[in-house]
Every structure is written in C-alpha cells, then in structure tokens.
Amino acid sequence: MELTVQDPQIGEKAASLLHRMERLLCQTLEAAQAQGQLAAASEPHLLARLLLHAAGLGILAQTGPNPEMSTATVNNLFALLEP
C-alpha cells in the first residue's frame, strides 16, 4: 500500500480493487443472511468492510511484532460472524 502514496494510478487501482472486494463480500454475506447462516441483526455492508480490515490484520499477524495478539484479534473478529 505504500506505493499508492507514490503513484496515484496504483492508488486508484488499489481503491477500485478493495471496493470490488467489499461489494462481493457484501453480496456473499447478504446471501448467507438470507439463508439463515448469518445473524439477522448483522449488517452485511459493515461486516464486509470489517472482513477487509481483518484481512489486513492477518497480514500483520504474519509480519508484525506481536503475531499472537494480531491472530487473537482476527479470530475474535471472525467469531462475530457466527449466527
């Protein structure tokens, strides 16, 4: 993501890709909610964004100074998805 600051074109492509991923996650979560696999009170668009953030935390878990804490954070975020 550091390249996005240096190169506006890369920044635009990255933003477009993240938006597309968020939209696809949202659609998937909406389908899961309709099938009763996701709590009815959940908000799919917010959960989609949360999942993207969790993916970033997953990268930090592998490369950061405290992988155990990052892993625990990601696991707790995913637990929120359980119906």
Protein backbone atom coordinates (compact mmCIF):
# COMPACT_ATOMS: atom_id res chain seq x y z
CA MET A 1 0.00 0.00 0.00
CA GLU A 2 2.98 2.32 0.34
CA LEU A 3 3.15 2.51 -3.45
CA THR A 4 -0.33 4.02 -3.52
CA VAL A 5 1.08 7.18 -1.94
CA GLN A 6 3.85 7.43 -4.51
CA ASP A 7 1.83 6.55 -7.61
CA PRO A 8 -1.74 7.85 -7.96
CA GLN A 9 -2.56 5.28 -10.66
CA ILE A 10 -1.66 2.43 -8.34
CA GLY A 11 -3.71 4.11 -5.62
CA GLU A 12 -6.75 4.28 -7.90
CA LYS A 13 -6.40 0.63 -8.91
CA ALA A 14 -5.96 -0.47 -5.31
CA ALA A 15 -9.02 1.52 -4.21
CA SER A 16 -11.05 0.06 -7.07
CA LEU A 17 -9.99 -3.48 -6.18
CA LEU A 18 -10.78 -3.01 -2.50
CA HIS A 19 -14.20 -1.56 -3.37
CA ARG A 20 -14.93 -4.54 -5.62
CA MET A 21 -13.83 -7.00 -2.94
CA GLU A 22 -16.02 -5.24 -0.38
CA ARG A 23 -19.02 -5.36 -2.74
CA LEU A 24 -18.52 -9.09 -3.41
CA LEU A 25 -18.14 -9.83 0.29
CA CYS A 26 -21.30 -7.86 1.00
CA GLN A 27 -23.25 -9.83 -1.60
CA THR A 28 -21.98 -13.10 -0.15
CA LEU A 29 -22.90 -12.03 3.38
CA GLU A 30 -26.36 -10.94 2.22
CA ALA A 31 -26.90 -14.38 0.68
CA ALA A 32 -25.71 -16.06 3.88
CA GLN A 33 -28.08 -13.89 5.89
CA ALA A 34 -30.99 -14.78 3.63
CA GLN A 35 -30.23 -18.48 4.20
CA GLY A 36 -30.04 -18.05 7.99
CA GLN A 37 -26.29 -18.60 8.12
CA LEU A 38 -25.66 -15.07 9.39
CA ALA A 39 -27.47 -13.37 12.23
CA ALA A 40 -30.47 -11.34 11.05
CA ALA A 41 -29.31 -8.34 13.09
CA SER A 42 -25.96 -8.25 11.23
CA GLU A 43 -25.27 -5.53 8.70
CA PRO A 44 -23.61 -7.18 5.68
CA HIS A 45 -22.05 -3.98 4.31
CA LEU A 46 -20.37 -3.24 7.65
CA LEU A 47 -19.25 -6.84 8.06
CA ALA A 48 -17.76 -6.81 4.56
CA ARG A 49 -15.63 -3.80 5.48
CA LEU A 50 -14.69 -5.44 8.77
CA LEU A 51 -13.55 -8.56 6.91
CA LEU A 52 -11.31 -6.47 4.67
CA HIS A 53 -9.78 -4.89 7.74
CA ALA A 54 -9.38 -8.34 9.29
CA ALA A 55 -7.50 -9.46 6.18
CA GLY A 56 -5.07 -6.62 6.78
CA LEU A 57 -4.71 -7.71 10.39
CA GLY A 58 -3.99 -11.22 9.15
CA ILE A 59 -1.03 -9.85 7.22
CA LEU A 60 0.14 -8.04 10.35
CA ALA A 61 -0.21 -11.27 12.29
CA GLN A 62 2.36 -12.83 9.99
CA THR A 63 4.75 -9.90 9.84
CA GLY A 64 4.12 -7.72 12.89
CA PRO A 65 5.98 -7.53 16.19
CA ASN A 66 3.27 -9.41 18.12
CA PRO A 67 1.75 -12.10 15.90
CA GLU A 68 -0.14 -13.76 18.76
CA MET A 69 -2.08 -10.58 19.56
CA SER A 70 -2.90 -9.94 15.91
CA THR A 71 -4.03 -13.54 15.43
CA ALA A 72 -6.25 -13.33 18.52
CA THR A 73 -7.78 -10.10 17.21
CA VAL A 74 -8.57 -11.66 13.83
CA ASN A 75 -10.06 -14.76 15.49
CA ASN A 76 -12.32 -12.60 17.65
CA LEU A 77 -13.46 -10.60 14.64
CA PHE A 78 -14.41 -13.76 12.78
CA ALA A 79 -16.30 -15.03 15.84
CA LEU A 80 -18.65 -12.07 15.35
CA LEU A 81 -19.87 -13.69 12.14
CA GLU A 82 -21.27 -16.77 13.84
CA PRO A 83 -25.10 -16.83 13.90
